[in-house]
Amino acid sequence: MAFFSKKDKVDLDMQSISTLISEGCILDGNLKAPAYARIDGQITGDVMVDEGLIIGEKGSILGNVITKEMVVYGSVTGNLQVNSLEIKSTGKITGEIRTQTLQVENGAVYNGNLSMTQNSKLAQSQTHKLSKAQPKMIEV
């Protein structure tokens, strides 16, 4: 029965979150987290999350990001290296994106370079860190 042999994938928004940076929190430094993380506060530094990352509408990152799956409702200024990326209508990204799949909702903002590959192990296969050159964050 092929119908039951394939497991359904659970959306990132429905995963249980193991790490939460809540609204009002400010983190100056790098963040490394296992499993899934959600950021509703502000991070200035690089972010590495093993499985998936959600940036809430009030969340922001000024730094590079490496993870498997990412959903952006807030803002990211830095380079992203992910397998799967969704930029929601409220999302804003400035920087280089390296991904396998990309979904962009109407109203989302993206400024930078995009490179896509069919390699399903993009985030895991890279042993070197992304470039440290970071664009300046501009408050709007």
N, C-alpha and C. Protein backbone atom coordinates (compact mmCIF):
# COMPACT_ATOMS: atom_id res chain seq x y z
N MET A 1 0.83 -1.19 0.00
CA MET A 1 0.00 0.00 0.00
C MET A 1 0.87 1.25 0.00
N ALA A 2 1.06 1.81 -1.15
CA ALA A 2 1.89 3.00 -1.28
C ALA A 2 1.25 4.22 -0.61
N PHE A 3 -0.05 4.19 -0.42
CA PHE A 3 -0.76 5.32 0.17
C PHE A 3 -0.26 5.62 1.58
N PHE A 4 0.07 4.59 2.36
CA PHE A 4 0.50 4.78 3.73
C PHE A 4 2.01 4.75 3.91
N SER A 5 2.75 4.47 2.85
CA SER A 5 4.20 4.32 3.00
C SER A 5 4.95 5.64 3.11
N LYS A 6 4.38 6.71 2.59
CA LYS A 6 5.06 8.01 2.63
C LYS A 6 4.53 8.85 3.79
N LYS A 7 5.43 9.32 4.63
CA LYS A 7 5.04 10.13 5.79
C LYS A 7 4.76 11.56 5.35
N ASP A 8 3.67 12.14 5.86
CA ASP A 8 3.35 13.53 5.56
C ASP A 8 4.29 14.45 6.32
N LYS A 9 4.76 15.49 5.66
CA LYS A 9 5.65 16.46 6.30
C LYS A 9 4.82 17.50 7.06
N VAL A 10 5.22 17.80 8.27
CA VAL A 10 4.51 18.78 9.09
C VAL A 10 5.10 20.16 8.80
N ASP A 11 4.23 21.15 8.55
CA ASP A 11 4.69 22.52 8.29
C ASP A 11 5.53 23.04 9.45
N LEU A 12 6.49 23.90 9.12
CA LEU A 12 7.36 24.50 10.14
C LEU A 12 6.54 25.25 11.17
N ASP A 13 5.49 25.94 10.75
CA ASP A 13 4.63 26.69 11.67
C ASP A 13 3.95 25.78 12.70
N MET A 14 3.86 24.48 12.43
CA MET A 14 3.18 23.55 13.32
C MET A 14 4.15 22.74 14.19
N GLN A 15 5.45 22.94 14.06
CA GLN A 15 6.45 22.22 14.84
C GLN A 15 6.49 22.74 16.28
N SER A 16 6.91 21.89 17.19
CA SER A 16 7.07 22.37 18.56
C SER A 16 8.41 23.11 18.66
N ILE A 17 8.38 24.28 19.27
CA ILE A 17 9.53 25.18 19.34
C ILE A 17 10.35 24.84 20.58
N SER A 18 11.66 24.60 20.37
CA SER A 18 12.53 24.29 21.51
C SER A 18 13.25 25.53 22.03
N THR A 19 13.39 26.56 21.19
CA THR A 19 14.07 27.79 21.58
C THR A 19 13.22 28.99 21.19
N LEU A 20 13.01 29.92 22.12
CA LEU A 20 12.19 31.10 21.86
C LEU A 20 12.91 32.35 22.35
N ILE A 21 13.08 33.29 21.46
CA ILE A 21 13.56 34.63 21.82
C ILE A 21 12.32 35.52 21.69
N SER A 22 11.74 35.88 22.82
CA SER A 22 10.45 36.56 22.79
C SER A 22 10.58 38.05 22.49
N GLU A 23 9.43 38.66 22.16
CA GLU A 23 9.37 40.08 21.85
C GLU A 23 9.91 40.88 23.04
N GLY A 24 10.75 41.86 22.75
CA GLY A 24 11.36 42.67 23.79
C GLY A 24 12.75 42.20 24.17
N CYS A 25 13.09 40.95 23.87
CA CYS A 25 14.43 40.43 24.17
C CYS A 25 15.43 40.90 23.11
N ILE A 26 16.63 41.23 23.57
CA ILE A 26 17.71 41.65 22.67
C ILE A 26 18.90 40.76 22.96
N LEU A 27 19.41 40.11 21.92
CA LEU A 27 20.57 39.23 22.06
C LEU A 27 21.69 39.76 21.19
N ASP A 28 22.80 40.17 21.82
CA ASP A 28 24.00 40.59 21.10
C ASP A 28 25.00 39.45 21.16
N GLY A 29 25.12 38.70 20.08
CA GLY A 29 26.00 37.54 20.03
C GLY A 29 25.41 36.46 19.15
N ASN A 30 26.16 35.40 18.95
CA ASN A 30 25.72 34.31 18.09
C ASN A 30 24.76 33.39 18.84
N LEU A 31 23.82 32.81 18.08
CA LEU A 31 22.85 31.88 18.64
C LEU A 31 22.98 30.55 17.92
N LYS A 32 23.14 29.47 18.67
CA LYS A 32 23.14 28.13 18.12
C LYS A 32 22.08 27.35 18.87
N ALA A 33 21.13 26.75 18.12
CA ALA A 33 20.02 26.07 18.77
C ALA A 33 19.73 24.74 18.09
N PRO A 34 19.34 23.73 18.89
CA PRO A 34 18.93 22.46 18.31
C PRO A 34 17.46 22.54 17.89
N ALA A 35 17.06 21.65 17.05
CA ALA A 35 15.67 21.50 16.64
C ALA A 35 15.08 22.76 16.02
N TYR A 36 14.02 23.32 16.63
CA TYR A 36 13.28 24.44 16.04
C TYR A 36 13.33 25.66 16.94
N ALA A 37 13.42 26.85 16.34
CA ALA A 37 13.49 28.09 17.11
C ALA A 37 12.55 29.12 16.52
N ARG A 38 12.10 30.02 17.39
CA ARG A 38 11.28 31.16 16.96
C ARG A 38 11.90 32.41 17.56
N ILE A 39 12.01 33.44 16.72
CA ILE A 39 12.58 34.71 17.17
C ILE A 39 11.54 35.80 16.98
N ASP A 40 11.12 36.38 18.11
CA ASP A 40 10.21 37.53 18.09
C ASP A 40 10.91 38.77 18.62
N GLY A 41 12.13 38.61 19.09
CA GLY A 41 12.95 39.71 19.58
C GLY A 41 13.99 40.11 18.55
N GLN A 42 15.10 40.68 19.03
CA GLN A 42 16.16 41.16 18.13
C GLN A 42 17.45 40.41 18.42
N ILE A 43 18.10 39.94 17.34
CA ILE A 43 19.40 39.29 17.47
C ILE A 43 20.40 40.02 16.59
N THR A 44 21.54 40.37 17.18
CA THR A 44 22.67 40.92 16.43
C THR A 44 23.78 39.89 16.54
N GLY A 45 23.95 39.11 15.50
CA GLY A 45 24.93 38.02 15.48
C GLY A 45 24.45 36.92 14.57
N ASP A 46 25.30 35.93 14.35
CA ASP A 46 24.97 34.82 13.47
C ASP A 46 24.05 33.83 14.19
N VAL A 47 23.18 33.18 13.40
CA VAL A 47 22.21 32.24 13.94
C VAL A 47 22.35 30.90 13.21
N MET A 48 22.53 29.83 13.99
CA MET A 48 22.56 28.47 13.43
C MET A 48 21.53 27.64 14.18
N VAL A 49 20.54 27.13 13.45
CA VAL A 49 19.50 26.30 14.04
C VAL A 49 19.46 24.99 13.25
N ASP A 50 19.52 23.86 13.95
CA ASP A 50 19.64 22.57 13.28
C ASP A 50 18.48 22.24 12.35
N GLU A 51 17.25 22.48 12.75
CA GLU A 51 16.10 22.05 11.95
C GLU A 51 15.37 23.20 11.26
N GLY A 52 14.78 24.12 12.03
CA GLY A 52 13.97 25.16 11.42
C GLY A 52 13.90 26.41 12.26
N LEU A 53 13.61 27.53 11.60
CA LEU A 53 13.60 28.84 12.25
C LEU A 53 12.43 29.66 11.75
N ILE A 54 11.72 30.27 12.70
CA ILE A 54 10.63 31.20 12.37
C ILE A 54 11.01 32.56 12.91
N ILE A 55 10.94 33.58 12.06
CA ILE A 55 11.16 34.96 12.48
C ILE A 55 9.77 35.60 12.53
N GLY A 56 9.30 35.93 13.73
CA GLY A 56 7.98 36.54 13.89
C GLY A 56 7.94 37.96 13.33
N GLU A 57 6.75 38.53 13.23
CA GLU A 57 6.57 39.86 12.64
C GLU A 57 7.40 40.93 13.34
N LYS A 58 7.58 40.83 14.65
CA LYS A 58 8.39 41.81 15.40
C LYS A 58 9.85 41.36 15.52
N GLY A 59 10.17 40.19 15.01
CA GLY A 59 11.51 39.64 15.12
C GLY A 59 12.46 40.21 14.08
N SER A 60 13.75 40.31 14.45
CA SER A 60 14.75 40.77 13.49
C SER A 60 16.10 40.12 13.79
N ILE A 61 16.85 39.89 12.73
CA ILE A 61 18.21 39.36 12.83
C ILE A 61 19.13 40.25 12.01
N LEU A 62 20.22 40.67 12.63
CA LEU A 62 21.29 41.37 11.93
C LEU A 62 22.49 40.44 11.99
N GLY A 63 22.60 39.59 11.00
CA GLY A 63 23.65 38.57 10.98
C GLY A 63 23.30 37.48 9.99
N ASN A 64 24.18 36.51 9.85
CA ASN A 64 24.00 35.41 8.91
C ASN A 64 23.21 34.28 9.56
N VAL A 65 22.47 33.52 8.72
CA VAL A 65 21.63 32.45 9.22
C VAL A 65 21.91 31.16 8.45
N ILE A 66 22.05 30.06 9.19
CA ILE A 66 22.16 28.73 8.59
C ILE A 66 21.14 27.83 9.27
N THR A 67 20.24 27.23 8.49
CA THR A 67 19.23 26.30 9.01
C THR A 67 18.67 25.50 7.84
N LYS A 68 17.82 24.52 8.14
CA LYS A 68 17.20 23.72 7.07
C LYS A 68 15.98 24.43 6.50
N GLU A 69 15.04 24.81 7.38
CA GLU A 69 13.81 25.45 6.95
C GLU A 69 13.68 26.80 7.64
N MET A 70 13.12 27.78 6.93
CA MET A 70 12.98 29.11 7.53
C MET A 70 11.74 29.79 7.00
N VAL A 71 10.99 30.41 7.93
CA VAL A 71 9.82 31.22 7.57
C VAL A 71 10.07 32.61 8.14
N VAL A 72 9.96 33.63 7.29
CA VAL A 72 10.27 35.00 7.70
C VAL A 72 9.01 35.87 7.63
N TYR A 73 8.55 36.29 8.81
CA TYR A 73 7.47 37.27 8.94
C TYR A 73 8.06 38.64 9.28
N GLY A 74 9.24 38.66 9.88
CA GLY A 74 9.91 39.88 10.32
C GLY A 74 11.01 40.29 9.36
N SER A 75 12.18 40.66 9.89
CA SER A 75 13.25 41.15 9.01
C SER A 75 14.58 40.45 9.30
N VAL A 76 15.35 40.26 8.24
CA VAL A 76 16.68 39.69 8.33
C VAL A 76 17.60 40.53 7.46
N THR A 77 18.72 40.96 8.04
CA THR A 77 19.76 41.67 7.30
C THR A 77 21.03 40.84 7.46
N GLY A 78 21.36 40.10 6.42
CA GLY A 78 22.50 39.20 6.44
C GLY A 78 22.32 38.10 5.42
N ASN A 79 23.26 37.20 5.35
CA ASN A 79 23.23 36.12 4.37
C ASN A 79 22.52 34.90 4.95
N LEU A 80 21.71 34.24 4.10
CA LEU A 80 20.95 33.07 4.52
C LEU A 80 21.40 31.85 3.73
N GLN A 81 21.56 30.74 4.43
CA GLN A 81 21.87 29.46 3.80
C GLN A 81 20.88 28.45 4.35
N VAL A 82 19.87 28.13 3.54
CA VAL A 82 18.77 27.27 3.98
C VAL A 82 18.39 26.30 2.87
N ASN A 83 17.70 25.22 3.25
CA ASN A 83 17.17 24.31 2.24
C ASN A 83 15.84 24.81 1.70
N SER A 84 15.00 25.36 2.60
CA SER A 84 13.67 25.80 2.23
C SER A 84 13.40 27.16 2.90
N LEU A 85 12.95 28.14 2.11
CA LEU A 85 12.71 29.48 2.63
C LEU A 85 11.35 29.98 2.20
N GLU A 86 10.60 30.52 3.16
CA GLU A 86 9.33 31.19 2.88
C GLU A 86 9.44 32.62 3.38
N ILE A 87 9.15 33.58 2.51
CA ILE A 87 9.11 34.99 2.92
C ILE A 87 7.64 35.39 2.88
N LYS A 88 7.08 35.65 4.04
CA LYS A 88 5.67 36.02 4.14
C LYS A 88 5.47 37.48 3.74
N SER A 89 4.22 37.91 3.62
CA SER A 89 3.92 39.26 3.12
C SER A 89 4.52 40.36 3.98
N THR A 90 4.75 40.11 5.27
CA THR A 90 5.34 41.12 6.16
C THR A 90 6.86 40.98 6.26
N GLY A 91 7.43 39.98 5.59
CA GLY A 91 8.85 39.69 5.68
C GLY A 91 9.73 40.60 4.85
N LYS A 92 10.93 40.89 5.38
CA LYS A 92 11.91 41.73 4.68
C LYS A 92 13.28 41.08 4.84
N ILE A 93 13.96 40.84 3.73
CA ILE A 93 15.30 40.26 3.77
C ILE A 93 16.23 41.10 2.91
N THR A 94 17.40 41.41 3.47
CA THR A 94 18.46 42.10 2.73
C THR A 94 19.72 41.26 2.89
N GLY A 95 20.23 40.74 1.78
CA GLY A 95 21.44 39.92 1.82
C GLY A 95 21.39 38.81 0.79
N GLU A 96 22.39 37.96 0.82
CA GLU A 96 22.48 36.85 -0.13
C GLU A 96 21.71 35.65 0.40
N ILE A 97 20.94 35.01 -0.50
CA ILE A 97 20.19 33.81 -0.14
C ILE A 97 20.71 32.65 -0.96
N ARG A 98 21.03 31.55 -0.27
CA ARG A 98 21.36 30.29 -0.93
C ARG A 98 20.34 29.27 -0.44
N THR A 99 19.52 28.73 -1.36
CA THR A 99 18.43 27.84 -0.97
C THR A 99 18.13 26.83 -2.07
N GLN A 100 17.34 25.83 -1.69
CA GLN A 100 16.86 24.85 -2.66
C GLN A 100 15.46 25.24 -3.13
N THR A 101 14.60 25.66 -2.19
CA THR A 101 13.24 26.07 -2.55
C THR A 101 12.95 27.45 -1.94
N LEU A 102 12.13 28.23 -2.65
CA LEU A 102 11.80 29.59 -2.22
C LEU A 102 10.34 29.87 -2.51
N GLN A 103 9.63 30.38 -1.49
CA GLN A 103 8.26 30.84 -1.65
C GLN A 103 8.19 32.27 -1.15
N VAL A 104 7.62 33.15 -1.97
CA VAL A 104 7.53 34.56 -1.61
C VAL A 104 6.08 35.00 -1.76
N GLU A 105 5.50 35.51 -0.66
CA GLU A 105 4.13 36.03 -0.71
C GLU A 105 4.12 37.44 -1.27
N ASN A 106 3.00 37.82 -1.84
CA ASN A 106 2.81 39.17 -2.36
C ASN A 106 2.97 40.17 -1.21
N GLY A 107 3.81 41.19 -1.39
CA GLY A 107 4.05 42.19 -0.37
C GLY A 107 5.38 42.02 0.33
N ALA A 108 5.98 40.84 0.22
CA ALA A 108 7.29 40.61 0.84
C ALA A 108 8.36 41.43 0.13
N VAL A 109 9.44 41.75 0.87
CA VAL A 109 10.53 42.55 0.30
C VAL A 109 11.82 41.76 0.39
N TYR A 110 12.54 41.68 -0.74
CA TYR A 110 13.84 41.01 -0.77
C TYR A 110 14.80 41.82 -1.62
N ASN A 111 15.95 42.17 -1.05
CA ASN A 111 17.01 42.88 -1.77
C ASN A 111 18.30 42.11 -1.58
N GLY A 112 18.89 41.64 -2.67
CA GLY A 112 20.14 40.91 -2.59
C GLY A 112 20.29 39.93 -3.72
N ASN A 113 21.22 39.01 -3.56
CA ASN A 113 21.49 37.99 -4.56
C ASN A 113 20.85 36.67 -4.13
N LEU A 114 20.37 35.93 -5.12
CA LEU A 114 19.73 34.64 -4.86
C LEU A 114 20.43 33.58 -5.69
N SER A 115 20.82 32.48 -5.04
CA SER A 115 21.31 31.32 -5.79
C SER A 115 20.57 30.09 -5.29
N MET A 116 20.05 29.32 -6.26
CA MET A 116 19.27 28.14 -5.93
C MET A 116 19.95 26.90 -6.49
N THR A 117 19.78 25.80 -5.76
CA THR A 117 20.36 24.53 -6.17
C THR A 117 19.35 23.43 -5.92
N GLN A 118 19.55 22.28 -6.55
CA GLN A 118 18.67 21.14 -6.32
C GLN A 118 19.24 20.21 -5.28
N ASN A 119 20.40 20.54 -4.72
CA ASN A 119 21.03 19.71 -3.69
C ASN A 119 20.23 19.79 -2.41
N SER A 120 19.66 18.67 -1.96
CA SER A 120 18.79 18.66 -0.79
C SER A 120 19.55 18.81 0.53
N LYS A 121 20.86 18.74 0.52
CA LYS A 121 21.65 18.85 1.75
C LYS A 121 22.46 20.13 1.75
N LEU A 122 21.90 21.20 1.23
CA LEU A 122 22.62 22.47 1.10
C LEU A 122 23.15 22.98 2.42
N ALA A 123 22.30 23.10 3.42
CA ALA A 123 22.73 23.69 4.69
C ALA A 123 23.70 22.78 5.44
N GLN A 124 23.50 21.47 5.37
CA GLN A 124 24.34 20.56 6.12
C GLN A 124 25.71 20.35 5.47
N SER A 125 25.79 20.45 4.14
CA SER A 125 27.04 20.12 3.45
C SER A 125 28.09 21.22 3.54
N GLN A 126 27.68 22.40 3.92
CA GLN A 126 28.62 23.52 3.98
C GLN A 126 29.37 23.50 5.30
N THR A 127 30.69 23.38 5.25
CA THR A 127 31.47 23.36 6.48
C THR A 127 32.04 24.73 6.82
N HIS A 128 32.06 25.63 5.85
CA HIS A 128 32.57 26.97 6.12
C HIS A 128 31.42 27.91 6.42
N LYS A 129 31.70 28.93 7.21
CA LYS A 129 30.67 29.91 7.56
C LYS A 129 30.46 30.87 6.41
N LEU A 130 29.29 31.50 6.40
CA LEU A 130 28.99 32.51 5.40
C LEU A 130 29.89 33.71 5.60
N SER A 131 30.01 34.50 4.57
CA SER A 131 30.85 35.69 4.61
C SER A 131 30.45 36.59 5.78
N LYS A 132 31.43 37.16 6.47
CA LYS A 132 31.17 38.02 7.62
C LYS A 132 30.72 39.41 7.21
N ALA A 133 30.83 39.74 5.92
CA ALA A 133 30.40 41.07 5.48
C ALA A 133 28.90 41.19 5.67
N GLN A 134 28.48 42.17 6.46
CA GLN A 134 27.07 42.34 6.74
C GLN A 134 26.61 43.72 6.30
N PRO A 135 25.44 43.77 5.63
CA PRO A 135 24.90 45.07 5.28
C PRO A 135 24.47 45.82 6.53
N LYS A 136 24.45 47.13 6.47
CA LYS A 136 24.00 47.95 7.60
C LYS A 136 22.49 47.87 7.73
N MET A 137 22.00 47.81 8.99
CA MET A 137 20.58 47.79 9.23
C MET A 137 20.05 49.21 9.26
N ILE A 138 18.96 49.44 8.56
CA ILE A 138 18.36 50.76 8.50
C ILE A 138 16.97 50.66 9.09
N GLU A 139 16.69 51.43 10.13
CA GLU A 139 15.36 51.47 10.74
C GLU A 139 14.43 52.26 9.84
N VAL A 140 13.21 51.75 9.64
CA VAL A 140 12.22 52.44 8.82
C VAL A 140 11.11 52.96 9.70
